Amino acid sequence: MANPRATFQKRQREMGLKDKARAKQERRAAKRTEIRTTKGPEIAWDEQVFATESSDDPADAPSADPEAVPPTE
């Protein structure tokens, strides 16, 4: 006959693993059904933003607006 103590310990171990797996599955299901109001990481709205200076001459840079007509001379 098997050692009852070892059998009990094995059963306890298996039950613990099942409980952990069930809890993990519940957490994942809750996260899947959670309604999100944003699509990305939160951005601090009160954080200061500093402009960076470029060494390029802005007159030579191409326009960001494709409909913009270059000035004629």
C-alpha atoms as a PDB file:
ATOM      1  CA  MET A   1       0.000   0.000   0.000  1.00  0.00           C
ATOM      2  CA  ALA A   2       1.192   3.521  -0.795  1.00  0.00           C
ATOM      3  CA  ASN A   3       2.390   5.830   1.909  1.00  0.00           C
ATOM      4  CA  PRO A   4      -0.738   7.824   2.921  1.00  0.00           C
ATOM      5  CA  ARG A   5       1.337  10.830   3.942  1.00  0.00           C
ATOM      6  CA  ALA A   6       3.062  11.043   0.531  1.00  0.00           C
ATOM      7  CA  THR A   7      -0.268  10.589  -1.243  1.00  0.00           C
ATOM      8  CA  PHE A   8      -1.813  13.392   0.815  1.00  0.00           C
ATOM      9  CA  GLN A   9       1.128  15.711   0.097  1.00  0.00           C
ATOM     10  CA  LYS A  10       0.905  14.968  -3.613  1.00  0.00           C
ATOM     11  CA  ARG A  11      -2.814  15.687  -3.611  1.00  0.00           C
ATOM     12  CA  GLN A  12      -2.232  18.950  -1.704  1.00  0.00           C
ATOM     13  CA  ARG A  13       0.428  19.975  -4.230  1.00  0.00           C
ATOM     14  CA  GLU A  14      -1.870  19.226  -7.167  1.00  0.00           C
ATOM     15  CA  MET A  15      -4.768  21.102  -5.574  1.00  0.00           C
ATOM     16  CA  GLY A  16      -2.504  24.097  -4.974  1.00  0.00           C
ATOM     17  CA  LEU A  17      -1.423  24.105  -8.603  1.00  0.00           C
ATOM     18  CA  LYS A  18      -5.026  23.856  -9.769  1.00  0.00           C
ATOM     19  CA  ASP A  19      -6.032  26.741  -7.512  1.00  0.00           C
ATOM     20  CA  LYS A  20      -3.188  28.897  -8.836  1.00  0.00           C
ATOM     21  CA  ALA A  21      -4.116  28.067 -12.442  1.00  0.00           C
ATOM     22  CA  ARG A  22      -7.781  28.839 -11.789  1.00  0.00           C
ATOM     23  CA  ALA A  23      -6.904  32.187 -10.166  1.00  0.00           C
ATOM     24  CA  LYS A  24      -4.642  33.064 -13.095  1.00  0.00           C
ATOM     25  CA  GLN A  25      -7.360  32.188 -15.590  1.00  0.00           C
ATOM     26  CA  GLU A  26      -9.867  34.354 -13.702  1.00  0.00           C
ATOM     27  CA  ARG A  27      -7.437  37.302 -13.686  1.00  0.00           C
ATOM     28  CA  ARG A  28      -6.815  36.939 -17.413  1.00  0.00           C
ATOM     29  CA  ALA A  29     -10.546  36.688 -18.158  1.00  0.00           C
ATOM     30  CA  ALA A  30     -11.237  39.788 -16.055  1.00  0.00           C
ATOM     31  CA  LYS A  31      -8.521  41.690 -17.889  1.00  0.00           C
ATOM     32  CA  ARG A  32      -9.935  40.648 -21.275  1.00  0.00           C
ATOM     33  CA  THR A  33     -13.424  41.871 -20.414  1.00  0.00           C
ATOM     34  CA  GLU A  34     -12.194  45.106 -18.814  1.00  0.00           C
ATOM     35  CA  ILE A  35     -13.350  48.193 -20.712  1.00  0.00           C
ATOM     36  CA  ARG A  36     -10.476  50.536 -21.431  1.00  0.00           C
ATOM     37  CA  THR A  37     -10.922  54.257 -21.907  1.00  0.00           C
ATOM     38  CA  THR A  38      -7.482  54.780 -23.430  1.00  0.00           C
ATOM     39  CA  LYS A  39      -5.460  52.848 -25.960  1.00  0.00           C
ATOM     40  CA  GLY A  40      -1.981  53.328 -24.598  1.00  0.00           C
ATOM     41  CA  PRO A  41       0.097  54.374 -21.659  1.00  0.00           C
ATOM     42  CA  GLU A  42      -1.078  57.381 -19.726  1.00  0.00           C
ATOM     43  CA  ILE A  43       0.727  60.603 -20.583  1.00  0.00           C
ATOM     44  CA  ALA A  44       1.266  63.201 -17.900  1.00  0.00           C
ATOM     45  CA  TRP A  45      -0.730  66.220 -19.056  1.00  0.00           C
ATOM     46  CA  ASP A  46       1.078  68.570 -16.664  1.00  0.00           C
ATOM     47  CA  GLU A  47       4.557  67.585 -17.844  1.00  0.00           C
ATOM     48  CA  GLN A  48       6.522  70.386 -19.478  1.00  0.00           C
ATOM     49  CA  VAL A  49       7.590  69.966 -23.072  1.00  0.00           C
ATOM     50  CA  PHE A  50      10.664  71.740 -24.376  1.00  0.00           C
ATOM     51  CA  ALA A  51      11.214  72.493 -28.049  1.00  0.00           C
ATOM     52  CA  THR A  52      14.410  71.150 -29.528  1.00  0.00           C
ATOM     53  CA  GLU A  53      16.458  73.256 -31.887  1.00  0.00           C
ATOM     54  CA  SER A  54      17.548  71.855 -35.197  1.00  0.00           C
ATOM     55  CA  SER A  55      20.743  72.727 -37.040  1.00  0.00           C
ATOM     56  CA  ASP A  56      18.867  72.572 -40.356  1.00  0.00           C
ATOM     57  CA  ASP A  57      17.626  75.779 -41.918  1.00  0.00           C
ATOM     58  CA  PRO A  58      13.797  75.712 -41.709  1.00  0.00           C
ATOM     59  CA  ALA A  59      13.524  77.475 -45.097  1.00  0.00           C
ATOM     60  CA  ASP A  60      15.232  74.516 -46.799  1.00  0.00           C
ATOM     61  CA  ALA A  61      13.134  71.884 -45.031  1.00  0.00           C
ATOM     62  CA  PRO A  62      10.294  70.324 -47.052  1.00  0.00           C
ATOM     63  CA  SER A  63       6.814  71.351 -46.076  1.00  0.00           C
ATOM     64  CA  ALA A  64       4.741  68.946 -43.986  1.00  0.00           C
ATOM     65  CA  ASP A  65       1.628  69.986 -45.938  1.00  0.00           C
ATOM     66  CA  PRO A  66       1.541  68.203 -49.322  1.00  0.00           C
ATOM     67  CA  GLU A  67      -0.947  70.764 -50.671  1.00  0.00           C
ATOM     68  CA  ALA A  68       1.381  73.670 -49.905  1.00  0.00           C
ATOM     69  CA  VAL A  69       2.658  75.481 -52.967  1.00  0.00           C
ATOM     70  CA  PRO A  70       6.297  76.580 -52.827  1.00  0.00           C
ATOM     71  CA  PRO A  71       6.758  80.329 -53.104  1.00  0.00           C
ATOM     72  CA  THR A  72       7.681  81.553 -56.588  1.00  0.00           C
ATOM     73  CA  GLU A  73      10.193  84.312 -57.148  1.00  0.00           C
END
